[in-house]
């Protein structure tokens, strides 16, 4: 027996008024969601908005490129921390690129090649 079935048996039965109220709330929520979906699907950004977004992307790209050495350093430090943790625990090492490696020595070689 599921928890939902248990709750149904122990919960007091709802009155027709409560059921009607819940139905009305559900219908209003569905209508609101449909209106939101229609608004989203028909939205066309202005040229000014598109230009602002383009500038935001350019600024973000510049920031990333200006700090790529720092980002590489942080990436390597995180990889090394993962290696140390896995070596300490004697478990499997997972590098941040998604490749699994069960041999910590081999993983250390990988880190050296990355540098």
PDB file of N, CA and C in Angstrom:
ATOM      1  N   UNK A   1       0.853  -1.182   0.000  1.00  0.00           N
ATOM      2  CA  UNK A   1       0.000   0.000   0.000  1.00  0.00           C
ATOM      3  C   UNK A   1       0.889   1.232   0.000  1.00  0.00           C
ATOM      4  N   UNK A   2       0.595   2.163  -0.858  1.00  0.00           N
ATOM      5  CA  UNK A   2       1.416   3.366  -0.974  1.00  0.00           C
ATOM      6  C   UNK A   2       1.042   4.379   0.093  1.00  0.00           C
ATOM      7  N   UNK A   3       1.935   5.350   0.279  1.00  0.00           N
ATOM      8  CA  UNK A   3       1.681   6.420   1.252  1.00  0.00           C
ATOM      9  C   UNK A   3       0.466   7.234   0.840  1.00  0.00           C
ATOM     10  N   UNK A   4       0.272   7.418  -0.462  1.00  0.00           N
ATOM     11  CA  UNK A   4      -0.887   8.177  -0.943  1.00  0.00           C
ATOM     12  C   UNK A   4      -2.182   7.465  -0.585  1.00  0.00           C
ATOM     13  N   UNK A   5      -2.174   6.121  -0.717  1.00  0.00           N
ATOM     14  CA  UNK A   5      -3.365   5.359  -0.352  1.00  0.00           C
ATOM     15  C   UNK A   5      -3.636   5.457   1.136  1.00  0.00           C
ATOM     16  N   UNK A   6      -2.554   5.404   1.945  1.00  0.00           N
ATOM     17  CA  UNK A   6      -2.705   5.568   3.392  1.00  0.00           C
ATOM     18  C   UNK A   6      -3.314   6.922   3.712  1.00  0.00           C
ATOM     19  N   UNK A   7      -2.819   7.974   3.057  1.00  0.00           N
ATOM     20  CA  UNK A   7      -3.332   9.321   3.295  1.00  0.00           C
ATOM     21  C   UNK A   7      -4.799   9.428   2.899  1.00  0.00           C
ATOM     22  N   UNK A   8      -5.174   8.775   1.780  1.00  0.00           N
ATOM     23  CA  UNK A   8      -6.568   8.815   1.347  1.00  0.00           C
ATOM     24  C   UNK A   8      -7.488   8.179   2.377  1.00  0.00           C
ATOM     25  N   UNK A   9      -7.033   7.091   3.007  1.00  0.00           N
ATOM     26  CA  UNK A   9      -7.863   6.387   3.976  1.00  0.00           C
ATOM     27  C   UNK A   9      -7.978   7.146   5.288  1.00  0.00           C
ATOM     28  N   UNK A  10      -6.893   7.843   5.678  1.00  0.00           N
ATOM     29  CA  UNK A  10      -6.905   8.543   6.960  1.00  0.00           C
ATOM     30  C   UNK A  10      -7.415   9.966   6.841  1.00  0.00           C
ATOM     31  N   UNK A  11      -7.388  10.543   5.659  1.00  0.00           N
ATOM     32  CA  UNK A  11      -7.846  11.925   5.477  1.00  0.00           C
ATOM     33  C   UNK A  11      -9.367  11.966   5.514  1.00  0.00           C
ATOM     34  N   UNK A  12      -9.860  13.069   6.027  1.00  0.00           N
ATOM     35  CA  UNK A  12     -11.315  13.215   6.054  1.00  0.00           C
ATOM     36  C   UNK A  12     -11.801  13.493   4.641  1.00  0.00           C
ATOM     37  N   UNK A  13     -12.964  12.974   4.299  1.00  0.00           N
ATOM     38  CA  UNK A  13     -13.473  13.192   2.943  1.00  0.00           C
ATOM     39  C   UNK A  13     -13.757  14.672   2.705  1.00  0.00           C
ATOM     40  N   UNK A  14     -13.485  15.104   1.492  1.00  0.00           N
ATOM     41  CA  UNK A  14     -13.721  16.506   1.147  1.00  0.00           C
ATOM     42  C   UNK A  14     -15.180  16.687   0.755  1.00  0.00           C
ATOM     43  N   UNK A  15     -15.660  17.834   1.095  1.00  0.00           N
ATOM     44  CA  UNK A  15     -17.054  18.151   0.758  1.00  0.00           C
ATOM     45  C   UNK A  15     -17.139  18.558  -0.703  1.00  0.00           C
ATOM     46  N   UNK A  16     -18.337  18.504  -1.274  1.00  0.00           N
ATOM     47  CA  UNK A  16     -18.494  18.957  -2.667  1.00  0.00           C
ATOM     48  C   UNK A  16     -18.064  20.407  -2.859  1.00  0.00           C
ATOM     49  N   UNK A  17     -18.250  21.229  -1.832  1.00  0.00           N
ATOM     50  CA  UNK A  17     -17.833  22.627  -1.925  1.00  0.00           C
ATOM     51  C   UNK A  17     -16.318  22.730  -2.035  1.00  0.00           C
ATOM     52  N   UNK A  18     -15.613  21.921  -1.219  1.00  0.00           N
ATOM     53  CA  UNK A  18     -14.142  21.929  -1.270  1.00  0.00           C
ATOM     54  C   UNK A  18     -13.649  21.421  -2.618  1.00  0.00           C
ATOM     55  N   UNK A  19     -14.275  20.368  -3.106  1.00  0.00           N
ATOM     56  CA  UNK A  19     -13.879  19.825  -4.410  1.00  0.00           C
ATOM     57  C   UNK A  19     -14.109  20.853  -5.521  1.00  0.00           C
ATOM     58  N   UNK A  20     -15.232  21.550  -5.467  1.00  0.00           N
ATOM     59  CA  UNK A  20     -15.528  22.567  -6.481  1.00  0.00           C
ATOM     60  C   UNK A  20     -14.520  23.710  -6.403  1.00  0.00           C
ATOM     61  N   UNK A  21     -14.163  24.100  -5.181  1.00  0.00           N
ATOM     62  CA  UNK A  21     -13.179  25.170  -4.990  1.00  0.00           C
ATOM     63  C   UNK A  21     -11.819  24.751  -5.555  1.00  0.00           C
ATOM     64  N   UNK A  22     -11.407  23.509  -5.261  1.00  0.00           N
ATOM     65  CA  UNK A  22     -10.135  23.001  -5.782  1.00  0.00           C
ATOM     66  C   UNK A  22     -10.165  22.951  -7.312  1.00  0.00           C
ATOM     67  N   UNK A  23     -11.288  22.522  -7.871  1.00  0.00           N
ATOM     68  CA  UNK A  23     -11.423  22.456  -9.327  1.00  0.00           C
ATOM     69  C   UNK A  23     -11.295  23.847  -9.940  1.00  0.00           C
ATOM     70  N   UNK A  24     -11.927  24.846  -9.310  1.00  0.00           N
ATOM     71  CA  UNK A  24     -11.868  26.215  -9.814  1.00  0.00           C
ATOM     72  C   UNK A  24     -10.431  26.739  -9.778  1.00  0.00           C
ATOM     73  N   UNK A  25      -9.714  26.451  -8.678  1.00  0.00           N
ATOM     74  CA  UNK A  25      -8.316  26.883  -8.554  1.00  0.00           C
ATOM     75  C   UNK A  25      -7.468  26.241  -9.646  1.00  0.00           C
ATOM     76  N   UNK A  26      -7.677  24.941  -9.872  1.00  0.00           N
ATOM     77  CA  UNK A  26      -6.923  24.244 -10.921  1.00  0.00           C
ATOM     78  C   UNK A  26      -7.198  24.859 -12.293  1.00  0.00           C
ATOM     79  N   UNK A  27      -8.452  25.139 -12.580  1.00  0.00           N
ATOM     80  CA  UNK A  27      -8.801  25.736 -13.873  1.00  0.00           C
ATOM     81  C   UNK A  27      -8.170  27.115 -14.037  1.00  0.00           C
ATOM     82  N   UNK A  28      -8.159  27.903 -12.961  1.00  0.00           N
ATOM     83  CA  UNK A  28      -7.536  29.230 -13.022  1.00  0.00           C
ATOM     84  C   UNK A  28      -6.029  29.113 -13.247  1.00  0.00           C
ATOM     85  N   UNK A  29      -5.408  28.138 -12.572  1.00  0.00           N
ATOM     86  CA  UNK A  29      -3.963  27.936 -12.752  1.00  0.00           C
ATOM     87  C   UNK A  29      -3.645  27.502 -14.176  1.00  0.00           C
ATOM     88  N   UNK A  30      -4.463  26.618 -14.717  1.00  0.00           N
ATOM     89  CA  UNK A  30      -4.251  26.170 -16.097  1.00  0.00           C
ATOM     90  C   UNK A  30      -4.404  27.346 -17.060  1.00  0.00           C
ATOM     91  N   UNK A  31      -5.425  28.165 -16.829  1.00  0.00           N
ATOM     92  CA  UNK A  31      -5.632  29.333 -17.687  1.00  0.00           C
ATOM     93  C   UNK A  31      -4.453  30.301 -17.594  1.00  0.00           C
ATOM     94  N   UNK A  32      -3.947  30.511 -16.378  1.00  0.00           N
ATOM     95  CA  UNK A  32      -2.787  31.397 -16.202  1.00  0.00           C
ATOM     96  C   UNK A  32      -1.569  30.853 -16.931  1.00  0.00           C
ATOM     97  N   UNK A  33      -1.350  29.545 -16.832  1.00  0.00           N
ATOM     98  CA  UNK A  33      -0.211  28.933 -17.523  1.00  0.00           C
ATOM     99  C   UNK A  33      -0.363  29.042 -19.037  1.00  0.00           C
ATOM    100  N   UNK A  34      -1.575  28.839 -19.529  1.00  0.00           N
ATOM    101  CA  UNK A  34      -1.806  28.978 -20.972  1.00  0.00           C
ATOM    102  C   UNK A  34      -1.539  30.411 -21.428  1.00  0.00           C
ATOM    103  N   UNK A  35      -1.990  31.382 -20.641  1.00  0.00           N
ATOM    104  CA  UNK A  35      -1.741  32.787 -20.985  1.00  0.00           C
ATOM    105  C   UNK A  35      -0.249  33.095 -20.988  1.00  0.00           C
ATOM    106  N   UNK A  36       0.463  32.564 -20.004  1.00  0.00           N
ATOM    107  CA  UNK A  36       1.906  32.778 -19.934  1.00  0.00           C
ATOM    108  C   UNK A  36       2.601  32.148 -21.135  1.00  0.00           C
ATOM    109  N   UNK A  37       2.215  30.930 -21.467  1.00  0.00           N
ATOM    110  CA  UNK A  37       2.800  30.252 -22.626  1.00  0.00           C
ATOM    111  C   UNK A  37       2.533  31.034 -23.911  1.00  0.00           C
ATOM    112  N   UNK A  38       1.325  31.533 -24.064  1.00  0.00           N
ATOM    113  CA  UNK A  38       1.003  32.344 -25.249  1.00  0.00           C
ATOM    114  C   UNK A  38       1.844  33.612 -25.295  1.00  0.00           C
ATOM    115  N   UNK A  39       2.003  34.252 -24.146  1.00  0.00           N
ATOM    116  CA  UNK A  39       2.805  35.486 -24.098  1.00  0.00           C
ATOM    117  C   UNK A  39       4.258  35.195 -24.456  1.00  0.00           C
ATOM    118  N   UNK A  40       4.788  34.098 -23.935  1.00  0.00           N
ATOM    119  CA  UNK A  40       6.186  33.742 -24.215  1.00  0.00           C
ATOM    120  C   UNK A  40       6.357  33.388 -25.691  1.00  0.00           C
ATOM    121  N   UNK A  41       5.434  32.603 -26.225  1.00  0.00           N
ATOM    122  CA  UNK A  41       5.592  32.144 -27.608  1.00  0.00           C
ATOM    123  C   UNK A  41       5.386  33.261 -28.622  1.00  0.00           C
ATOM    124  N   UNK A  42       4.687  34.319 -28.254  1.00  0.00           N
ATOM    125  CA  UNK A  42       4.466  35.418 -29.194  1.00  0.00           C
ATOM    126  C   UNK A  42       5.397  36.593 -28.947  1.00  0.00           C
ATOM    127  N   UNK A  43       6.266  36.477 -27.946  1.00  0.00           N
ATOM    128  CA  UNK A  43       7.166  37.584 -27.605  1.00  0.00           C
ATOM    129  C   UNK A  43       8.251  37.729 -28.659  1.00  0.00           C
ATOM    130  N   UNK A  44       8.408  38.923 -29.163  1.00  0.00           N
ATOM    131  CA  UNK A  44       9.486  39.242 -30.100  1.00  0.00           C
ATOM    132  C   UNK A  44      10.269  40.395 -29.482  1.00  0.00           C
ATOM    133  N   UNK A  45      11.542  40.160 -29.170  1.00  0.00           N
ATOM    134  CA  UNK A  45      12.321  41.220 -28.522  1.00  0.00           C
ATOM    135  C   UNK A  45      12.549  42.399 -29.464  1.00  0.00           C
ATOM    136  N   UNK A  46      12.694  43.557 -28.868  1.00  0.00           N
ATOM    137  CA  UNK A  46      12.989  44.755 -29.657  1.00  0.00           C
ATOM    138  C   UNK A  46      14.451  44.728 -30.075  1.00  0.00           C
ATOM    139  N   UNK A  47      14.783  45.534 -31.053  1.00  0.00           N
ATOM    140  CA  UNK A  47      16.175  45.620 -31.512  1.00  0.00           C
ATOM    141  C   UNK A  47      17.075  46.094 -30.375  1.00  0.00           C
ATOM    142  N   UNK A  48      16.557  46.977 -29.539  1.00  0.00           N
ATOM    143  CA  UNK A  48      17.337  47.485 -28.408  1.00  0.00           C
ATOM    144  C   UNK A  48      17.634  46.363 -27.409  1.00  0.00           C
ATOM    145  N   UNK A  49      16.640  45.510 -27.138  1.00  0.00           N
ATOM    146  CA  UNK A  49      16.858  44.383 -26.228  1.00  0.00           C
ATOM    147  C   UNK A  49      17.896  43.420 -26.791  1.00  0.00           C
ATOM    148  N   UNK A  50      17.782  43.132 -28.076  1.00  0.00           N
ATOM    149  CA  UNK A  50      18.746  42.230 -28.716  1.00  0.00           C
ATOM    150  C   UNK A  50      20.145  42.825 -28.641  1.00  0.00           C
ATOM    151  N   UNK A  51      20.265  44.118 -28.874  1.00  0.00           N
ATOM    152  CA  UNK A  51      21.559  44.793 -28.792  1.00  0.00           C
ATOM    153  C   UNK A  51      22.117  44.728 -27.370  1.00  0.00           C
ATOM    154  N   UNK A  52      21.252  44.937 -26.371  1.00  0.00           N
ATOM    155  CA  UNK A  52      21.689  44.831 -24.972  1.00  0.00           C
ATOM    156  C   UNK A  52      22.187  43.428 -24.660  1.00  0.00           C
ATOM    157  N   UNK A  53      21.454  42.408 -25.135  1.00  0.00           N
ATOM    158  CA  UNK A  53      21.868  41.023 -24.896  1.00  0.00           C
ATOM    159  C   UNK A  53      23.210  40.747 -25.566  1.00  0.00           C
ATOM    160  N   UNK A  54      23.371  41.261 -26.799  1.00  0.00           N
ATOM    161  CA  UNK A  54      24.633  41.060 -27.517  1.00  0.00           C
ATOM    162  C   UNK A  54      25.786  41.682 -26.737  1.00  0.00           C
ATOM    163  N   UNK A  55      25.571  42.891 -26.217  1.00  0.00           N
ATOM    164  CA  UNK A  55      26.611  43.556 -25.418  1.00  0.00           C
ATOM    165  C   UNK A  55      26.918  42.766 -24.149  1.00  0.00           C
ATOM    166  N   UNK A  56      25.882  42.230 -23.509  1.00  0.00           N
ATOM    167  CA  UNK A  56      26.095  41.421 -22.303  1.00  0.00           C
ATOM    168  C   UNK A  56      26.940  40.188 -22.612  1.00  0.00           C
ATOM    169  N   UNK A  57      26.638  39.532 -23.734  1.00  0.00           N
ATOM    170  CA  UNK A  57      27.405  38.345 -24.124  1.00  0.00           C
ATOM    171  C   UNK A  57      28.846  38.730 -24.437  1.00  0.00           C
ATOM    172  N   UNK A  58      29.045  39.849 -25.133  1.00  0.00           N
ATOM    173  CA  UNK A  58      30.404  40.303 -25.434  1.00  0.00           C
ATOM    174  C   UNK A  58      31.174  40.603 -24.150  1.00  0.00           C
ATOM    175  N   UNK A  59      30.533  41.279 -23.208  1.00  0.00           N
ATOM    176  CA  UNK A  59      31.203  41.599 -21.942  1.00  0.00           C
ATOM    177  C   UNK A  59      31.550  40.342 -21.163  1.00  0.00           C
ATOM    178  N   UNK A  60      30.634  39.384 -21.146  1.00  0.00           N
ATOM    179  CA  UNK A  60      30.906  38.130 -20.454  1.00  0.00           C
ATOM    180  C   UNK A  60      32.058  37.387 -21.121  1.00  0.00           C
ATOM    181  N   UNK A  61      32.063  37.368 -22.446  1.00  0.00           N
ATOM    182  CA  UNK A  61      33.145  36.711 -23.184  1.00  0.00           C
ATOM    183  C   UNK A  61      34.484  37.383 -22.892  1.00  0.00           C
ATOM    184  N   UNK A  62      34.511  38.708 -22.886  1.00  0.00           N
ATOM    185  CA  UNK A  62      35.747  39.435 -22.565  1.00  0.00           C
ATOM    186  C   UNK A  62      36.217  39.112 -21.152  1.00  0.00           C
ATOM    187  N   UNK A  63      35.291  39.071 -20.213  1.00  0.00           N
ATOM    188  CA  UNK A  63      35.645  38.760 -18.826  1.00  0.00           C
ATOM    189  C   UNK A  63      36.254  37.372 -18.730  1.00  0.00           C
ATOM    190  N   UNK A  64      35.637  36.406 -19.396  1.00  0.00           N
ATOM    191  CA  UNK A  64      36.162  35.036 -19.368  1.00  0.00           C
ATOM    192  C   UNK A  64      37.548  34.995 -19.993  1.00  0.00           C
ATOM    193  N   UNK A  65      37.719  35.642 -21.146  1.00  0.00           N
ATOM    194  CA  UNK A  65      39.020  35.632 -21.814  1.00  0.00           C
ATOM    195  C   UNK A  65      40.085  36.357 -20.989  1.00  0.00           C
ATOM    196  N   UNK A  66      39.703  37.441 -20.321  1.00  0.00           N
ATOM    197  CA  UNK A  66      40.658  38.174 -19.486  1.00  0.00           C
ATOM    198  C   UNK A  66      41.081  37.382 -18.256  1.00  0.00           C
ATOM    199  N   UNK A  67      40.262  36.430 -17.854  1.00  0.00           N
ATOM    200  CA  UNK A  67      40.563  35.662 -16.644  1.00  0.00           C
ATOM    201  C   UNK A  67      40.803  34.184 -16.939  1.00  0.00           C
ATOM    202  N   UNK A  68      41.099  33.852 -18.208  1.00  0.00           N
ATOM    203  CA  UNK A  68      41.236  32.439 -18.554  1.00  0.00           C
ATOM    204  C   UNK A  68      42.387  31.769 -17.813  1.00  0.00           C
ATOM    205  N   UNK A  69      43.485  32.491 -17.557  1.00  0.00           N
ATOM    206  CA  UNK A  69      44.592  31.887 -16.818  1.00  0.00           C
ATOM    207  C   UNK A  69      44.168  31.540 -15.395  1.00  0.00           C
ATOM    208  N   UNK A  70      43.423  32.439 -14.771  1.00  0.00           N
ATOM    209  CA  UNK A  70      42.919  32.171 -13.429  1.00  0.00           C
ATOM    210  C   UNK A  70      41.936  31.007 -13.449  1.00  0.00           C
ATOM    211  N   UNK A  71      41.072  30.963 -14.455  1.00  0.00           N
ATOM    212  CA  UNK A  71      40.113  29.868 -14.560  1.00  0.00           C
ATOM    213  C   UNK A  71      40.822  28.532 -14.765  1.00  0.00           C
ATOM    214  N   UNK A  72      41.885  28.522 -15.580  1.00  0.00           N
ATOM    215  CA  UNK A  72      42.665  27.295 -15.778  1.00  0.00           C
ATOM    216  C   UNK A  72      43.303  26.852 -14.471  1.00  0.00           C
ATOM    217  N   UNK A  73      43.851  27.814 -13.714  1.00  0.00           N
ATOM    218  CA  UNK A  73      44.467  27.498 -12.428  1.00  0.00           C
ATOM    219  C   UNK A  73      43.439  26.887 -11.475  1.00  0.00           C
ATOM    220  N   UNK A  74      42.282  27.502 -11.391  1.00  0.00           N
ATOM    221  CA  UNK A  74      41.229  26.977 -10.512  1.00  0.00           C
ATOM    222  C   UNK A  74      40.815  25.582 -10.968  1.00  0.00           C
ATOM    223  N   UNK A  75      40.673  25.382 -12.269  1.00  0.00           N
ATOM    224  CA  UNK A  75      40.297  24.081 -12.818  1.00  0.00           C
ATOM    225  C   UNK A  75      41.320  23.021 -12.413  1.00  0.00           C
ATOM    226  N   UNK A  76      42.602  23.342 -12.565  1.00  0.00           N
ATOM    227  CA  UNK A  76      43.651  22.379 -12.199  1.00  0.00           C
ATOM    228  C   UNK A  76      43.650  22.085 -10.705  1.00  0.00           C
ATOM    229  N   UNK A  77      43.464  23.125  -9.889  1.00  0.00           N
ATOM    230  CA  UNK A  77      43.441  22.916  -8.444  1.00  0.00           C
ATOM    231  C   UNK A  77      42.274  22.019  -8.040  1.00  0.00           C
ATOM    232  N   UNK A  78      41.146  22.201  -8.686  1.00  0.00           N
ATOM    233  CA  UNK A  78      39.995  21.346  -8.393  1.00  0.00           C
ATOM    234  C   UNK A  78      40.290  19.917  -8.834  1.00  0.00           C
ATOM    235  N   UNK A  79      40.904  19.740 -10.000  1.00  0.00           N
ATOM    236  CA  UNK A  79      41.260  18.397 -10.458  1.00  0.00           C
ATOM    237  C   UNK A  79      42.209  17.724  -9.471  1.00  0.00           C
ATOM    238  N   UNK A  80      43.211  18.464  -9.011  1.00  0.00           N
ATOM    239  CA  UNK A  80      44.167  17.902  -8.066  1.00  0.00           C
ATOM    240  C   UNK A  80      43.492  17.563  -6.742  1.00  0.00           C
ATOM    241  N   UNK A  81      42.563  18.394  -6.306  1.00  0.00           N
ATOM    242  CA  UNK A  81      41.832  18.106  -5.069  1.00  0.00           C
ATOM    243  C   UNK A  81      41.005  16.837  -5.225  1.00  0.00           C
ATOM    244  N   UNK A  82      40.413  16.652  -6.395  1.00  0.00           N
ATOM    245  CA  UNK A  82      39.645  15.434  -6.659  1.00  0.00           C
ATOM    246  C   UNK A  82      40.569  14.229  -6.608  1.00  0.00           C
ATOM    247  N   UNK A  83      41.748  14.350  -7.204  1.00  0.00           N
ATOM    248  CA  UNK A  83      42.723  13.262  -7.190  1.00  0.00           C
ATOM    249  C   UNK A  83      43.138  12.930  -5.767  1.00  0.00           C
ATOM    250  N   UNK A  84      43.499  13.955  -4.990  1.00  0.00           N
ATOM    251  CA  UNK A  84      43.930  13.721  -3.610  1.00  0.00           C
ATOM    252  C   UNK A  84      42.827  13.071  -2.793  1.00  0.00           C
ATOM    253  N   UNK A  85      41.606  13.550  -2.955  1.00  0.00           N
ATOM    254  CA  UNK A  85      40.483  12.996  -2.211  1.00  0.00           C
ATOM    255  C   UNK A  85      40.262  11.538  -2.586  1.00  0.00           C
ATOM    256  N   UNK A  86      40.293  11.238  -3.879  1.00  0.00           N
ATOM    257  CA  UNK A  86      40.066   9.870  -4.327  1.00  0.00           C
ATOM    258  C   UNK A  86      41.205   8.964  -3.896  1.00  0.00           C
ATOM    259  N   UNK A  87      42.445   9.473  -3.948  1.00  0.00           N
ATOM    260  CA  UNK A  87      43.587   8.679  -3.510  1.00  0.00           C
ATOM    261  C   UNK A  87      43.470   8.393  -2.019  1.00  0.00           C
ATOM    262  N   UNK A  88      43.093   9.404  -1.247  1.00  0.00           N
ATOM    263  CA  UNK A  88      42.935   9.242   0.194  1.00  0.00           C
ATOM    264  C   UNK A  88      41.854   8.210   0.503  1.00  0.00           C
ATOM    265  N   UNK A  89      40.771   8.263  -0.224  1.00  0.00           N
ATOM    266  CA  UNK A  89      39.658   7.349   0.013  1.00  0.00           C
ATOM    267  C   UNK A  89      39.887   5.987  -0.636  1.00  0.00           C
ATOM    268  N   UNK A  90      40.852   5.916  -1.541  1.00  0.00           N
ATOM    269  CA  UNK A  90      41.123   4.657  -2.223  1.00  0.00           C
ATOM    270  C   UNK A  90      40.052   4.305  -3.245  1.00  0.00           C
ATOM    271  N   UNK A  91      39.320   5.297  -3.668  1.00  0.00           N
ATOM    272  CA  UNK A  91      38.209   5.041  -4.581  1.00  0.00           C
ATOM    273  C   UNK A  91      38.524   5.411  -6.001  1.00  0.00           C
ATOM    274  N   UNK A  92      37.477   5.500  -6.769  1.00  0.00           N
ATOM    275  CA  UNK A  92      37.603   5.824  -8.184  1.00  0.00           C
ATOM    276  C   UNK A  92      37.779   7.324  -8.358  1.00  0.00           C
ATOM    277  N   UNK A  93      38.616   7.687  -9.307  1.00  0.00           N
ATOM    278  CA  UNK A  93      38.864   9.098  -9.595  1.00  0.00           C
ATOM    279  C   UNK A  93      38.036   9.484 -10.806  1.00  0.00           C
ATOM    280  N   UNK A  94      37.347  10.596 -10.697  1.00  0.00           N
ATOM    281  CA  UNK A  94      36.595  11.101 -11.843  1.00  0.00           C
ATOM    282  C   UNK A  94      37.113  12.491 -12.154  1.00  0.00           C
ATOM    283  N   UNK A  95      37.665  12.666 -13.359  1.00  0.00           N
ATOM    284  CA  UNK A  95      38.146  14.003 -13.693  1.00  0.00           C
ATOM    285  C   UNK A  95      36.958  14.856 -14.126  1.00  0.00           C
ATOM    286  N   UNK A  96      37.184  16.152 -14.205  1.00  0.00           N
ATOM    287  CA  UNK A  96      36.086  17.067 -14.467  1.00  0.00           C
ATOM    288  C   UNK A  96      35.645  17.066 -15.920  1.00  0.00           C
ATOM    289  N   UNK A  97      36.396  16.388 -16.780  1.00  0.00           N
ATOM    290  CA  UNK A  97      35.967  16.306 -18.171  1.00  0.00           C
ATOM    291  C   UNK A  97      34.978  15.167 -18.361  1.00  0.00           C
ATOM    292  N   UNK A  98      34.694  14.438 -17.273  1.00  0.00           N
ATOM    293  CA  UNK A  98      33.706  13.380 -17.342  1.00  0.00           C
ATOM    294  C   UNK A  98      34.290  12.004 -17.591  1.00  0.00           C
ATOM    295  N   UNK A  99      35.606  11.897 -17.733  1.00  0.00           N
ATOM    296  CA  UNK A  99      36.219  10.598 -17.959  1.00  0.00           C
ATOM    297  C   UNK A  99      36.553   9.967 -16.617  1.00  0.00           C
ATOM    298  N   UNK A 100      36.183   8.711 -16.443  1.00  0.00           N
ATOM    299  CA  UNK A 100      36.492   8.012 -15.201  1.00  0.00           C
ATOM    300  C   UNK A 100      37.846   7.337 -15.318  1.00  0.00           C
ATOM    301  N   UNK A 101      38.605   7.381 -14.251  1.00  0.00           N
ATOM    302  CA  UNK A 101      39.916   6.741 -14.230  1.00  0.00           C
ATOM    303  C   UNK A 101      40.079   6.086 -12.868  1.00  0.00           C
ATOM    304  N   UNK A 102      40.363   4.797 -12.860  1.00  0.00           N
ATOM    305  CA  UNK A 102      40.473   4.091 -11.585  1.00  0.00           C
ATOM    306  C   UNK A 102      41.912   4.010 -11.094  1.00  0.00           C
ATOM    307  N   UNK A 103      42.877   4.452 -11.888  1.00  0.00           N
ATOM    308  CA  UNK A 103      44.282   4.387 -11.510  1.00  0.00           C
ATOM    309  C   UNK A 103      44.782   5.797 -11.195  1.00  0.00           C
ATOM    310  N   UNK A 104      44.984   6.134  -9.896  1.00  0.00           N
ATOM    311  CA  UNK A 104      45.420   7.488  -9.542  1.00  0.00           C
ATOM    312  C   UNK A 104      46.745   7.894 -10.188  1.00  0.00           C
ATOM    313  N   UNK A 105      47.678   6.956 -10.365  1.00  0.00           N
ATOM    314  CA  UNK A 105      48.962   7.294 -10.986  1.00  0.00           C
ATOM    315  C   UNK A 105      48.746   7.718 -12.442  1.00  0.00           C
ATOM    316  N   UNK A 106      47.884   7.004 -13.125  1.00  0.00           N
ATOM    317  CA  UNK A 106      47.572   7.337 -14.504  1.00  0.00           C
ATOM    318  C   UNK A 106      46.878   8.700 -14.576  1.00  0.00           C
ATOM    319  N   UNK A 107      46.040   8.959 -13.606  1.00  0.00           N
ATOM    320  CA  UNK A 107      45.343  10.245 -13.552  1.00  0.00           C
ATOM    321  C   UNK A 107      46.335  11.374 -13.315  1.00  0.00           C
ATOM    322  N   UNK A 108      47.345  11.127 -12.482  1.00  0.00           N
ATOM    323  CA  UNK A 108      48.373  12.135 -12.229  1.00  0.00           C
ATOM    324  C   UNK A 108      49.118  12.453 -13.528  1.00  0.00           C
ATOM    325  N   UNK A 109      49.388  11.432 -14.339  1.00  0.00           N
ATOM    326  CA  UNK A 109      50.011  11.666 -15.643  1.00  0.00           C
ATOM    327  C   UNK A 109      49.117  12.565 -16.501  1.00  0.00           C
ATOM    328  N   UNK A 110      47.841  12.307 -16.441  1.00  0.00           N
ATOM    329  CA  UNK A 110      46.885  13.130 -17.186  1.00  0.00           C
ATOM    330  C   UNK A 110      46.977  14.584 -16.741  1.00  0.00           C
ATOM    331  N   UNK A 111      47.062  14.808 -15.435  1.00  0.00           N
ATOM    332  CA  UNK A 111      47.167  16.173 -14.924  1.00  0.00           C
ATOM    333  C   UNK A 111      48.451  16.842 -15.402  1.00  0.00           C
ATOM    334  N   UNK A 112      49.541  16.095 -15.424  1.00  0.00           N
ATOM    335  CA  UNK A 112      50.819  16.649 -15.877  1.00  0.00           C
ATOM    336  C   UNK A 112      50.735  17.048 -17.353  1.00  0.00           C
ATOM    337  N   UNK A 113      50.058  16.230 -18.149  1.00  0.00           N
ATOM    338  CA  UNK A 113      49.905  16.545 -19.570  1.00  0.00           C
ATOM    339  C   UNK A 113      49.052  17.787 -19.770  1.00  0.00           C
ATOM    340  N   UNK A 114      48.080  17.998 -18.879  1.00  0.00           N
ATOM    341  CA  UNK A 114      47.207  19.162 -18.972  1.00  0.00           C
ATOM    342  C   UNK A 114      47.971  20.460 -18.732  1.00  0.00           C
ATOM    343  N   UNK A 115      49.048  20.380 -17.966  1.00  0.00           N
ATOM    344  CA  UNK A 115      49.838  21.576 -17.658  1.00  0.00           C
ATOM    345  C   UNK A 115      50.684  21.894 -18.824  1.00  0.00           C
TER     346      UNK A 115
END
